[in-house]
Protein backbone atom coordinates (compact mmCIF):
# COMPACT_ATOMS: atom_id res chain seq x y z
CA MET A 1 102.15 91.22 116.41
CA GLU A 2 100.62 88.57 114.18
CA SER A 3 101.73 88.31 110.57
CA ILE A 4 99.44 89.81 107.97
CA TYR A 5 98.82 86.30 106.65
CA ASN A 6 97.55 85.09 110.00
CA GLN A 7 95.23 88.11 110.01
CA ILE A 8 94.00 87.06 106.54
CA LEU A 9 93.48 83.51 107.74
CA GLN A 10 91.39 84.62 110.69
CA THR A 11 89.37 86.98 108.47
CA LEU A 12 88.50 84.17 106.06
CA LYS A 13 87.71 81.71 108.85
CA ASN A 14 85.31 84.29 110.27
CA ARG A 15 83.62 84.31 106.85
CA GLN A 16 84.53 87.94 106.23
CA HIS A 17 85.60 89.57 102.98
CA GLY A 18 88.90 91.34 102.54
CA SER A 19 91.40 92.76 100.08
CA LEU A 20 95.17 92.66 100.37
CA VAL A 21 97.45 95.43 99.11
CA THR A 22 101.13 94.56 98.53
CA ILE A 23 103.97 96.80 97.40
CA LEU A 24 105.73 94.91 94.59
CA HIS A 25 108.26 97.52 93.51
CA ARG A 26 109.54 100.89 94.61
CA LYS A 27 111.98 103.41 93.23
CA GLY A 28 113.20 106.64 94.75
CA SER A 29 111.85 108.08 97.98
CA VAL A 30 108.90 105.93 99.08
CA PRO A 31 107.67 105.51 102.70
CA ARG A 32 107.55 101.67 102.69
CA ARG A 33 109.64 98.91 101.17
CA GLU A 34 108.66 96.04 98.86
CA GLY A 35 106.58 93.53 100.77
CA ALA A 36 104.71 96.12 102.84
CA HIS A 37 101.06 95.10 103.24
CA LEU A 38 97.69 96.57 103.98
CA LEU A 39 94.64 94.41 104.64
CA LEU A 40 91.21 95.98 104.19
CA LYS A 41 88.48 93.95 105.87
CA GLY A 42 84.90 93.92 104.68
CA ASN A 43 83.82 95.76 107.85
CA GLY A 44 86.04 98.69 106.86
CA SER A 45 88.84 98.08 109.36
CA ILE A 46 92.42 98.28 108.13
CA ILE A 47 95.45 96.31 109.29
CA GLY A 48 98.94 97.39 108.26
CA THR A 49 100.01 100.29 106.06
CA ILE A 50 101.80 100.95 102.78
CA GLY A 51 102.88 104.42 103.87
CA GLY A 52 99.77 106.52 104.41
CA GLY A 53 98.87 109.65 102.49
CA GLY A 54 97.23 109.84 99.10
CA LEU A 55 98.81 106.60 97.89
CA GLU A 56 97.21 104.62 100.68
CA ALA A 57 93.89 106.43 100.34
CA GLU A 58 93.75 105.60 96.62
CA THR A 59 94.66 101.94 97.09
CA VAL A 60 92.08 101.56 99.86
CA LYS A 61 89.42 102.77 97.38
CA ILE A 62 90.58 100.17 94.88
CA ALA A 63 90.67 97.49 97.57
CA ARG A 64 87.12 98.32 98.63
CA ASN A 65 85.90 97.87 95.05
CA LEU A 66 87.53 94.43 94.87
CA LEU A 67 85.99 92.98 98.04
CA ASP A 68 83.50 90.91 96.03
CA SER A 69 85.64 90.43 92.94
CA GLU A 70 87.69 87.50 91.70
CA ASN A 71 90.14 89.75 89.84
CA GLY A 72 93.04 91.80 91.08
CA HIS A 73 94.38 95.26 90.30
CA LEU A 74 97.97 96.16 89.37
CA ARG A 75 99.00 99.79 89.23
CA SER A 76 102.05 102.03 89.46
CA PHE A 77 101.90 105.40 91.20
CA THR A 78 104.34 108.27 90.82
CA LEU A 79 104.60 110.42 93.92
CA VAL A 80 105.59 113.86 92.68
CA GLU A 81 105.88 116.92 94.89
CA GLY A 82 102.63 118.85 94.77
CA ASP A 83 100.53 116.03 93.29
CA ASP A 84 99.52 114.50 96.60
CA PRO A 85 96.69 116.38 98.37
CA SER A 86 97.66 114.79 101.67
CA ASP A 87 101.11 116.42 101.46
CA MET A 88 102.72 112.97 101.66
CA ALA A 89 104.42 113.16 98.25
CA CYS A 90 107.92 111.67 98.31
CA GLY A 91 109.13 111.91 94.74
CA GLY A 92 109.28 108.15 94.11
CA ASN A 93 107.51 105.46 92.18
CA VAL A 94 105.67 102.49 93.65
CA THR A 95 103.83 99.52 92.10
CA VAL A 96 101.10 97.82 94.11
CA LEU A 97 99.05 94.68 93.68
CA VAL A 98 95.54 94.73 95.12
CA GLU A 99 93.81 91.37 95.36
CA PRO A 100 90.70 90.00 97.07
CA ILE A 101 91.30 87.25 99.61
CA LEU A 102 89.27 84.15 98.75
CA ARG A 103 88.02 81.29 100.92
CA GLY A 104 89.52 78.73 98.58
CA GLU A 105 92.94 80.05 99.58
CA ILE A 106 92.56 79.17 103.27
CA PRO A 107 94.92 76.13 103.01
CA VAL A 108 97.71 78.35 101.66
CA TYR A 109 97.37 80.88 104.47
CA GLU A 110 97.23 78.03 107.00
CA PHE A 111 100.41 76.64 105.47
CA ILE A 112 102.16 80.02 105.73
CA THR A 113 100.99 80.69 109.28
CA ARG A 114 102.00 77.24 110.49
CA SER A 115 105.40 77.52 108.82
CA LEU A 116 106.22 80.86 110.42
CA LYS A 117 104.95 79.67 113.79
CA ASP A 118 107.32 76.71 113.53
CA HIS A 119 110.15 79.13 112.64
CA VAL A 120 110.51 77.77 109.12
CA PRO A 121 110.94 80.41 106.36
CA CYS A 122 108.70 80.04 103.32
CA CYS A 123 107.96 81.67 99.99
CA PHE A 124 104.49 82.79 98.89
CA ILE A 125 103.96 82.49 95.11
CA ARG A 126 101.27 84.23 93.02
CA LEU A 127 100.65 83.87 89.30
CA ILE A 128 98.81 86.70 87.55
CA ARG A 129 97.83 87.71 84.01
CA ARG A 130 96.68 91.05 82.64
CA SER A 131 93.13 90.94 81.29
CA GLU A 132 94.01 93.31 78.44
CA ILE A 133 97.05 95.26 77.30
CA ASN A 134 97.41 98.48 79.35
CA SER A 135 94.65 97.34 81.67
CA HIS A 136 95.04 97.58 85.45
CA THR A 137 92.78 94.55 85.93
CA VAL A 138 94.62 91.27 86.38
CA GLN A 139 93.45 87.69 86.46
CA LEU A 140 94.54 85.87 89.59
CA GLY A 141 96.03 82.45 88.98
CA PRO A 142 97.20 79.67 91.26
CA LYS A 143 98.81 80.52 94.56
CA GLY A 144 101.35 78.40 96.33
CA THR A 145 103.80 78.19 99.18
CA VAL A 146 107.22 76.58 99.37
CA LYS A 147 108.93 75.94 102.71
CA ALA A 148 112.69 76.15 103.13
CA ASP A 149 112.74 72.35 103.44
CA GLY A 150 111.10 71.99 99.99
CA THR A 151 107.57 71.15 101.17
CA THR A 152 104.98 72.70 98.85
CA LEU A 153 101.28 73.49 98.66
CA PHE A 154 99.41 74.98 95.68
CA THR A 155 95.77 75.96 95.30
CA LEU A 156 95.54 74.35 91.84
CA PRO A 157 97.34 71.41 90.19
CA LEU A 158 100.44 72.36 88.20
CA SER A 159 102.57 70.34 85.83
CA GLU A 160 105.73 68.93 87.38
CA ASP A 161 107.84 71.03 85.02
CA VAL A 162 106.17 74.29 86.06
CA LYS A 163 106.20 73.31 89.72
CA SER A 164 109.91 72.47 89.67
CA HIS A 165 110.73 75.88 88.18
CA LEU A 166 108.60 77.66 90.78
CA VAL A 167 110.14 75.72 93.66
CA ALA A 168 113.65 76.47 92.39
CA TRP A 169 112.98 80.20 92.23
CA ALA A 170 111.27 80.12 95.61
CA GLN A 171 114.45 78.63 97.12
CA ILE A 172 116.53 81.34 95.46
CA SER A 173 114.21 84.01 96.84
CA MET A 174 114.44 82.68 100.39
CA LYS A 175 118.24 82.58 100.29
CA ASP A 176 118.58 86.14 98.98
CA ALA A 177 117.60 88.34 101.92
CA SER A 178 118.16 91.53 99.87
CA HIS A 179 114.88 91.00 97.98
CA THR A 180 111.64 90.48 99.88
CA ILE A 181 109.74 90.24 96.61
CA ARG A 182 110.82 89.13 93.13
CA VAL A 183 108.56 89.77 90.15
CA LEU A 184 109.57 87.68 87.15
CA ASP A 185 108.21 87.05 83.67
CA PRO A 186 107.99 83.56 82.06
CA GLU A 187 111.23 84.04 80.13
CA ALA A 188 113.16 84.87 83.29
CA ILE A 189 112.21 81.57 84.92
CA ASP A 190 112.55 79.63 81.65
CA LEU A 191 108.93 78.57 81.24
CA PRO A 192 107.33 77.89 77.84
CA ALA A 193 105.15 80.78 76.68
CA ALA A 194 102.22 78.49 75.90
CA ASP A 195 102.03 77.34 79.50
CA SER A 196 102.70 80.59 81.28
CA TRP A 197 101.18 83.52 83.09
CA ASP A 198 102.35 87.08 82.56
CA MET A 199 103.88 87.56 85.97
CA TYR A 200 105.25 85.33 88.72
CA ILE A 201 105.53 86.91 92.17
CA PHE A 202 107.80 85.34 94.77
CA GLU A 203 107.46 86.79 98.27
CA SER A 204 110.02 85.57 100.77
CA LEU A 205 108.50 85.30 104.26
CA GLN A 206 111.16 85.18 106.92
CA VAL A 207 110.65 84.10 110.51
CA PHE A 208 109.65 86.84 112.93
CA PRO A 209 112.33 87.28 115.60
CA ARG A 210 111.42 86.09 119.08
CA LEU A 211 111.98 88.09 122.22
CA VAL A 212 111.98 86.09 125.44
CA ILE A 213 111.70 88.28 128.53
CA PHE A 214 112.59 86.65 131.84
CA GLY A 215 110.68 88.50 134.54
CA GLY A 216 107.16 89.89 134.63
CA GLY A 217 107.62 93.33 136.18
CA HIS A 218 106.65 96.81 134.98
CA LEU A 219 109.64 97.10 132.65
CA SER A 220 108.72 93.79 131.02
CA GLN A 221 105.16 95.01 130.45
CA ALA A 222 106.36 98.13 128.64
CA LEU A 223 108.95 96.19 126.63
CA CYS A 224 106.41 93.55 125.62
CA LYS A 225 104.01 96.16 124.22
CA MET A 226 106.68 97.96 122.23
CA ALA A 227 108.34 94.82 120.91
CA ALA A 228 105.01 93.41 119.71
CA LEU A 229 104.42 96.63 117.74
CA CYS A 230 107.80 96.05 116.07
CA ASN A 231 106.87 92.54 114.90
CA PHE A 232 108.62 90.53 117.60
CA GLN A 233 106.99 87.37 118.90
CA VAL A 234 107.24 88.02 122.62
CA GLU A 235 107.32 85.30 125.27
CA ILE A 236 107.21 86.11 128.97
CA VAL A 237 108.68 83.86 131.65
CA ASP A 238 108.24 84.33 135.40
CA ASP A 239 108.18 82.02 138.39
CA ARG A 240 105.09 83.64 139.92
CA GLU A 241 101.63 82.82 138.59
CA GLU A 242 100.28 86.29 139.33
CA PHE A 243 103.02 87.82 137.15
CA ALA A 244 103.00 85.15 134.44
CA SER A 245 99.48 85.78 133.14
CA LYS A 246 98.02 86.57 129.74
CA GLU A 247 95.93 89.31 131.33
CA ARG A 248 99.10 91.07 132.41
CA PHE A 249 100.75 90.57 128.99
CA PRO A 250 97.98 90.54 126.34
CA GLU A 251 100.44 91.27 123.50
CA ALA A 252 102.62 88.24 124.27
CA THR A 253 102.38 85.16 122.06
CA ARG A 254 103.11 82.96 125.07
CA VAL A 255 103.34 83.41 128.84
CA LEU A 256 105.01 80.74 130.98
CA CYS A 257 105.22 80.21 134.72
CA ILE A 258 108.39 78.21 135.44
CA PRO A 259 109.19 77.58 139.12
CA ASP A 260 112.64 78.94 140.04
CA PHE A 261 113.41 79.46 136.33
CA GLU A 262 114.74 75.91 136.09
CA HIS A 263 115.27 73.73 132.98
CA LEU A 264 114.68 76.65 130.59
CA GLY A 265 116.29 74.91 127.62
CA ASP A 266 113.76 72.07 127.87
CA LEU A 267 110.76 74.40 127.93
CA ILE A 268 111.69 77.30 125.64
CA ARG A 269 113.06 77.41 122.10
CA LEU A 270 116.48 79.09 122.34
CA ASP A 271 118.05 79.58 118.90
CA GLY A 272 119.57 82.09 116.53
CA HIS A 273 116.19 83.82 116.05
CA THR A 274 115.84 84.42 119.79
CA PHE A 275 116.56 87.71 121.52
CA SER A 276 116.48 87.56 125.31
CA VAL A 277 116.21 90.02 128.17
CA VAL A 278 116.95 88.98 131.76
CA ALA A 279 114.89 91.14 134.10
CA THR A 280 113.92 88.97 137.05
CA ARG A 281 113.26 90.21 140.57
CA GLY A 282 116.64 89.36 142.10
CA HIS A 283 120.35 88.54 141.70
CA ARG A 284 119.83 84.83 142.32
CA TYR A 285 117.26 84.44 139.56
CA ASP A 286 119.23 86.63 137.14
CA GLU A 287 122.25 84.43 137.72
CA SER A 288 120.21 81.25 137.25
CA VAL A 289 118.65 82.43 133.99
CA LEU A 290 121.87 83.84 132.57
CA SER A 291 123.83 80.67 133.41
CA GLN A 292 121.37 78.71 131.26
CA VAL A 293 120.76 80.96 128.24
CA ILE A 294 124.42 81.92 127.85
CA ASP A 295 125.17 78.42 126.57
CA TYR A 296 123.02 79.07 123.48
CA ASP A 297 124.02 81.11 120.42
CA LEU A 298 121.18 83.58 120.80
CA ALA A 299 120.81 86.67 118.65
CA TYR A 300 120.96 88.90 121.73
CA ILE A 301 121.33 88.51 125.49
CA GLY A 302 120.78 91.52 127.73
CA MET A 303 120.59 91.79 131.50
CA VAL A 304 118.86 94.59 133.39
CA GLY A 305 120.59 95.98 136.47
CA SER A 306 123.16 98.34 137.92
CA ARG A 307 126.85 97.99 137.08
CA GLN A 308 127.47 96.77 140.62
CA LYS A 309 124.81 94.06 140.39
CA ASN A 310 125.94 92.98 136.94
CA ALA A 311 129.57 92.75 138.09
CA LEU A 312 128.48 90.55 141.01
CA VAL A 313 126.50 88.21 138.75
CA PHE A 314 129.37 87.98 136.25
CA GLU A 315 131.87 87.21 139.03
CA ARG A 316 129.71 84.38 140.33
CA LEU A 317 129.30 82.96 136.82
CA ARG A 318 133.08 83.06 136.26
CA GLU A 319 133.46 81.13 139.51
CA ARG A 320 131.08 78.54 138.05
CA GLY A 321 133.39 78.08 135.09
CA ILE A 322 131.63 80.12 132.42
CA PRO A 323 134.29 81.45 129.98
CA PRO A 324 134.85 85.23 129.83
CA SER A 325 134.26 85.07 126.04
CA ARG A 326 130.67 84.00 126.69
CA LEU A 327 130.11 86.73 129.28
CA LYS A 328 131.29 89.38 126.79
CA ARG A 329 128.26 88.57 124.64
CA VAL A 330 125.91 89.86 127.34
CA HIS A 331 124.68 93.44 126.96
CA ALA A 332 125.05 94.78 130.48
CA PRO A 333 124.39 97.58 131.14
CA ILE A 334 121.49 96.92 128.82
CA GLY A 335 120.06 99.32 126.24
CA LEU A 336 121.21 102.38 124.33
CA SER A 337 122.45 105.34 126.33
CA ILE A 338 119.58 107.81 125.95
CA GLY A 339 119.21 108.99 129.54
CA SER A 340 116.17 106.81 130.19
CA GLU A 341 114.64 106.66 133.67
CA THR A 342 111.05 105.36 133.65
CA PRO A 343 110.19 101.73 132.77
CA GLU A 344 108.79 102.93 129.45
CA GLU A 345 111.91 104.93 128.61
CA ILE A 346 114.18 102.06 129.60
CA ALA A 347 112.07 99.76 127.40
CA VAL A 348 112.67 102.14 124.47
CA SER A 349 116.44 102.03 125.04
CA ILE A 350 116.45 98.21 125.27
CA LEU A 351 114.32 97.72 122.17
CA GLY A 352 116.46 100.24 120.30
CA GLU A 353 119.57 98.20 121.09
CA ILE A 354 117.84 94.97 120.06
CA ILE A 355 116.73 96.48 116.73
CA GLN A 356 120.23 97.83 116.17
CA THR A 357 121.67 94.36 116.85
CA ARG A 358 119.15 92.78 114.49
CA ALA A 359 120.07 95.22 111.71
CA GLU A 360 123.79 94.53 112.16
CA ARG A 361 123.14 90.79 111.98
CA LYS A 362 121.25 91.23 108.69
CA LYS A 363 124.25 93.02 107.17
CA THR A 364 126.61 90.21 108.04
CA ASN A 365 124.31 87.28 107.09
């Protein structure tokens, strides 16, 4: 699935209007976390969700009214049992920012999209000011992006003093994975009141995890669809052209045909953001793929197959000198034990294990 910011970029390049809804703060029982987005396009289509129900219906109304505006809208909603006609009340509090997307911001969204595509985390910065005390209308100020390597881009010129403070807080935001969004006032970031906006929003945009699936069979098709829905960038690799096709895997970000699955490390990015599933059509190819990817510190390595087949592949790899400690990192049998049988059910069990592994990694990082 593409990031919401790539969706915004494509909307603006197609000369369409749009409004972006972002959850800035939540407290109590709320369906979505800070950083959840909804994009309303000028044609009425909606991408993403902030939780559905009456909250989403109300913010969509606001977003529709801002399609041709240059101002934003900042509002807090209290979800109290019985107040929500859609029966989606949760008993929490949520603050949302609704803002029109503007053509002058295309360079920022290009910057964000390119950064995430290159697997470089970045921080999206917005400056806003209330039009009047107690007003929901906010003036939208400069927007900017800071990459993890310190590279910056802002829509408007800023003084070096202000920029240095923003970059410093952007770096802090990217390093603290516990907060997707930080909302700070001028005093918090030590800016002079005369040269400040009311609110500085730092949104940390982390790299989407990649799932590389080796093999283009029915199981891979089901897994590709489900993983894309869960915000994985999916790449498919097969050695047969008829199986390695975009038509067969429309949700994949990339499809590669690599003869005999050779030289994978030269052709595919294999890093700590990469989850991999080995599901080729035979023992020989499984062994070849696993012997190559096992040398990398991937986030997850899983191999599809029976216990007997897996034991055979592992034995052959041990004979080739691969340490047992490396083989222990391979999830085989693959997937959670949920009694799955069909390709779709097996895909659910595999993706469940991958998501579980990803969550455990977040706790330890």
